[in-house]
Protein backbone atom coordinates (compact mmCIF):
# COMPACT_ATOMS: atom_id res chain seq x y z
CA MET A 1 0.00 -0.01 0.01
CA ALA A 2 1.25 3.48 -0.82
CA ASP A 3 2.12 5.63 2.17
CA GLY A 4 -0.31 8.44 1.29
CA GLU A 5 -1.01 11.67 3.10
CA ASP A 6 -4.05 10.14 4.83
CA HIS A 7 -1.89 7.71 6.84
CA PRO A 8 -0.24 8.70 10.14
CA ARG A 9 3.40 9.58 9.92
CA ALA A 10 6.20 10.16 12.35
CA LYS A 11 6.91 13.82 13.12
CA PHE A 12 10.73 13.68 13.15
CA HIS A 13 13.02 14.66 10.29
CA ALA A 14 16.08 12.99 11.85
CA MET A 15 16.05 9.85 13.97
CA THR A 16 17.72 11.73 16.81
CA GLU A 17 14.42 13.64 17.20
CA GLY A 18 12.20 10.52 17.33
CA THR A 19 9.79 9.81 20.18
CA ALA A 20 8.06 6.65 21.37
CA GLU A 21 4.91 7.99 19.74
CA ASP A 22 6.74 8.35 16.40
CA TRP A 23 8.10 4.83 16.62
CA GLY A 24 4.64 3.51 17.47
CA VAL A 25 3.38 5.04 14.20
CA ILE A 26 6.28 3.41 12.31
CA ALA A 27 5.80 0.03 13.98
CA ARG A 28 2.11 -0.07 13.05
CA ALA A 29 2.97 0.82 9.45
CA ALA A 30 5.68 -1.85 9.37
CA ALA A 31 3.19 -4.49 10.63
CA GLU A 32 0.79 -3.54 7.87
CA PHE A 33 3.60 -3.72 5.28
CA GLN A 34 4.61 -7.17 6.62
CA ARG A 35 1.09 -8.46 5.97
CA GLY A 36 1.58 -7.67 2.26
CA LEU A 37 4.78 -9.73 1.95
CA PRO A 38 3.11 -12.92 0.65
CA ASP A 39 1.49 -10.90 -2.14
CA ARG A 40 4.86 -9.37 -3.09
CA ILE A 41 6.55 -12.82 -3.08
CA LEU A 42 3.81 -14.21 -5.33
CA GLN A 43 4.19 -11.26 -7.71
CA HIS A 44 7.96 -11.65 -7.76
CA LEU A 45 7.67 -15.35 -8.61
CA GLN A 46 5.59 -14.36 -11.64
CA LEU A 47 8.61 -12.34 -12.90
CA LEU A 48 10.33 -15.69 -13.51
CA ARG A 49 7.82 -16.56 -16.24
CA GLY A 50 9.26 -16.70 -19.74
CA ASP A 51 12.89 -16.52 -18.60
CA CYS A 52 14.39 -19.84 -19.71
CA GLY A 53 18.04 -18.84 -19.44
CA GLY A 54 18.83 -21.60 -21.94
CA PHE A 55 17.07 -24.31 -19.90
CA ALA A 56 14.29 -26.58 -21.21
CA VAL A 57 11.74 -24.83 -18.96
CA ASP A 58 11.47 -21.25 -17.72
CA ARG A 59 12.51 -20.35 -14.17
CA PHE A 60 8.90 -20.11 -13.05
CA GLU A 61 8.12 -23.65 -14.16
CA HIS A 62 11.40 -24.85 -12.59
CA CYS A 63 10.29 -23.42 -9.21
CA LEU A 64 6.80 -24.93 -9.54
CA GLN A 65 8.29 -28.28 -10.53
CA THR A 66 10.80 -28.26 -7.66
CA ALA A 67 8.01 -27.48 -5.16
CA THR A 68 5.63 -30.03 -6.68
CA ARG A 69 8.28 -32.77 -6.47
CA ALA A 70 8.94 -31.88 -2.82
CA TYR A 71 5.24 -31.78 -2.00
CA ARG A 72 4.50 -35.11 -3.69
CA ALA A 73 7.39 -36.68 -1.83
CA GLY A 74 5.80 -35.68 1.49
CA GLU A 75 8.12 -32.86 2.58
CA ASP A 76 6.68 -30.50 5.17
CA GLU A 77 5.06 -27.20 4.30
CA GLU A 78 8.02 -24.96 5.14
CA TYR A 79 10.31 -27.14 3.02
CA VAL A 80 7.90 -27.03 0.09
CA VAL A 81 7.71 -23.23 0.27
CA CYS A 82 11.53 -23.13 0.31
CA ALA A 83 11.53 -25.26 -2.82
CA LEU A 84 9.02 -22.91 -4.45
CA VAL A 85 11.00 -19.75 -3.60
CA HIS A 86 14.55 -21.10 -3.91
CA ASP A 87 15.28 -19.34 -7.23
CA ILE A 88 13.35 -16.10 -6.62
CA GLY A 89 16.69 -14.25 -6.52
CA ASP A 90 17.42 -14.96 -10.22
CA THR A 91 15.89 -11.67 -11.44
CA LEU A 92 17.86 -9.28 -9.20
CA GLY A 93 20.80 -11.44 -8.22
CA PRO A 94 21.91 -13.49 -11.24
CA ALA A 95 25.45 -13.72 -9.85
CA ASN A 96 24.28 -14.70 -6.32
CA HIS A 97 20.66 -15.77 -6.59
CA ALA A 98 20.83 -18.28 -3.73
CA ASP A 99 22.11 -15.59 -1.37
CA VAL A 100 19.20 -13.35 -2.32
CA ALA A 101 16.64 -16.11 -1.75
CA GLY A 102 18.30 -17.09 1.49
CA VAL A 103 18.13 -13.54 2.85
CA ILE A 104 14.41 -13.39 2.01
CA MET A 105 13.68 -16.74 3.64
CA GLN A 106 15.93 -16.44 6.73
CA PRO A 107 13.45 -14.77 9.16
CA TYR A 108 10.64 -17.18 8.28
CA VAL A 109 12.20 -20.66 8.24
CA SER A 110 14.36 -22.95 10.33
CA GLU A 111 18.13 -22.58 10.27
CA GLU A 112 18.42 -25.84 8.33
CA ASN A 113 15.99 -24.68 5.64
CA HIS A 114 17.68 -21.30 5.49
CA PHE A 115 21.03 -22.97 4.86
CA MET A 116 19.47 -25.20 2.21
CA VAL A 117 18.11 -22.22 0.28
CA ALA A 118 21.11 -19.98 0.78
CA ARG A 119 23.66 -22.63 -0.24
CA HIS A 120 21.70 -24.60 -2.84
CA ALA A 121 23.61 -23.02 -5.76
CA VAL A 122 27.00 -24.35 -4.68
CA PHE A 123 25.46 -27.77 -4.01
CA GLN A 124 23.70 -27.72 -7.39
CA GLY A 125 27.10 -27.06 -8.94
CA TYR A 126 27.97 -30.68 -8.32
CA TYR A 127 25.88 -31.52 -11.38
CA TYR A 128 27.43 -29.07 -13.85
CA PHE A 129 30.40 -27.03 -12.58
CA HIS A 130 32.90 -29.46 -14.16
CA HIS A 131 31.38 -28.65 -17.60
CA LEU A 132 32.29 -24.99 -17.04
CA GLY A 133 35.81 -25.56 -15.78
CA LEU A 134 34.77 -25.12 -12.15
CA ASP A 135 35.19 -27.43 -9.18
CA ARG A 136 32.10 -29.63 -8.93
CA ASP A 137 33.12 -30.49 -5.34
CA MET A 138 32.90 -26.87 -4.18
CA ARG A 139 30.14 -27.96 -1.81
CA GLU A 140 32.71 -29.95 0.18
CA GLN A 141 33.67 -26.73 2.02
CA PHE A 142 30.40 -27.25 3.89
CA ARG A 143 30.95 -30.93 4.69
CA GLY A 144 30.20 -31.45 8.37
CA HIS A 145 27.54 -28.71 8.51
CA PRO A 146 24.35 -30.03 10.10
CA ALA A 147 22.35 -29.19 6.93
CA PHE A 148 24.89 -30.56 4.43
CA GLU A 149 23.03 -33.80 3.67
CA ARG A 150 19.68 -32.01 3.67
CA THR A 151 20.91 -29.58 1.02
CA ALA A 152 22.56 -32.29 -1.06
CA ARG A 153 19.31 -34.27 -0.99
CA PHE A 154 17.27 -31.19 -1.94
CA CYS A 155 19.43 -30.63 -4.98
CA HIS A 156 19.54 -34.29 -5.99
CA GLN A 157 15.87 -35.23 -5.48
CA TYR A 158 14.15 -31.98 -6.39
CA ASP A 159 16.21 -29.12 -7.80
CA GLN A 160 18.46 -30.77 -10.44
CA ALA A 161 15.56 -32.96 -11.58
CA ALA A 162 13.08 -30.10 -12.17
CA PHE A 163 13.75 -29.18 -15.80
CA ASP A 164 11.27 -31.55 -17.45
CA PRO A 165 8.90 -29.81 -19.91
CA GLY A 166 6.52 -32.78 -19.69
CA TYR A 167 6.18 -32.81 -15.93
CA ASP A 168 2.72 -32.15 -14.46
CA SER A 169 3.51 -29.35 -12.01
CA MET A 170 0.94 -28.05 -9.59
CA PRO A 171 -0.20 -24.48 -10.25
CA LEU A 172 1.09 -21.57 -8.17
CA GLU A 173 -2.41 -21.25 -6.61
CA ALA A 174 -2.00 -24.66 -4.98
CA PHE A 175 1.04 -23.39 -3.07
CA GLU A 176 -0.40 -19.97 -2.16
CA PRO A 177 -1.97 -20.98 1.19
CA MET A 178 1.27 -22.63 2.26
CA LEU A 179 3.31 -19.60 1.26
CA ARG A 180 0.97 -17.26 3.09
CA ARG A 181 1.34 -19.32 6.28
CA VAL A 182 5.14 -19.49 6.11
CA PHE A 183 5.48 -15.76 5.43
CA ALA A 184 2.76 -14.71 7.90
CA ALA A 185 5.22 -13.59 10.60
CA PRO A 186 8.96 -13.79 11.12
CA LYS A 187 10.28 -16.43 13.51
CA ARG A 188 13.58 -14.64 14.03
CA SER A 189 14.61 -11.08 13.30
CA MET A 190 16.61 -8.37 15.02
CA TYR A 191 13.33 -6.39 15.01
CA LEU A 192 11.61 -8.95 17.28
CA ARG A 193 11.80 -8.54 21.02
CA SER A 194 13.17 -11.66 22.69
CA ASP A 195 9.76 -12.29 24.30
CA LYS A 196 8.13 -12.31 20.83
CA ALA A 197 10.63 -14.56 18.97
CA ALA A 198 9.55 -18.07 18.05
């Protein structure tokens, strides 16, 4: 929602002048903005339509296919949403898309799922880095991390296998309720008081 003239605003022009009343206004506006996050995530996923990047399917279909495979394999809701959103960073972060997706997901998911999203690109490299003159075992730097096997399995079972133009992916609408629940409220954030953190 646009922050129009009809909405309350803080009175300060520099943060050093701010009052508790000002920050109450800002906190209420921030809570309202947070409620719109699922809509913005859904809109951003739509930006992946039509961008094939040389692959057999576009990035949108790849995300749907990855999430569908995870869902049909019985993964939990948070994991499925991670699978859906794992490549959302492609549009603005083509050189570090997993980092972008990881930063978006971090407040809303477990540490293991955050690691999986944030590091999936280096783990996915196992399947093709050697064709580009890169080290396919780059993921070994994370060997021993508690989420290493989880991330390797995500890439093997769902991500690297999700480029099939003939696959019957579920529509985005099927994942929308899950996505809305996962992004409903942050579990961890520096903006959460310790008595409010999950």
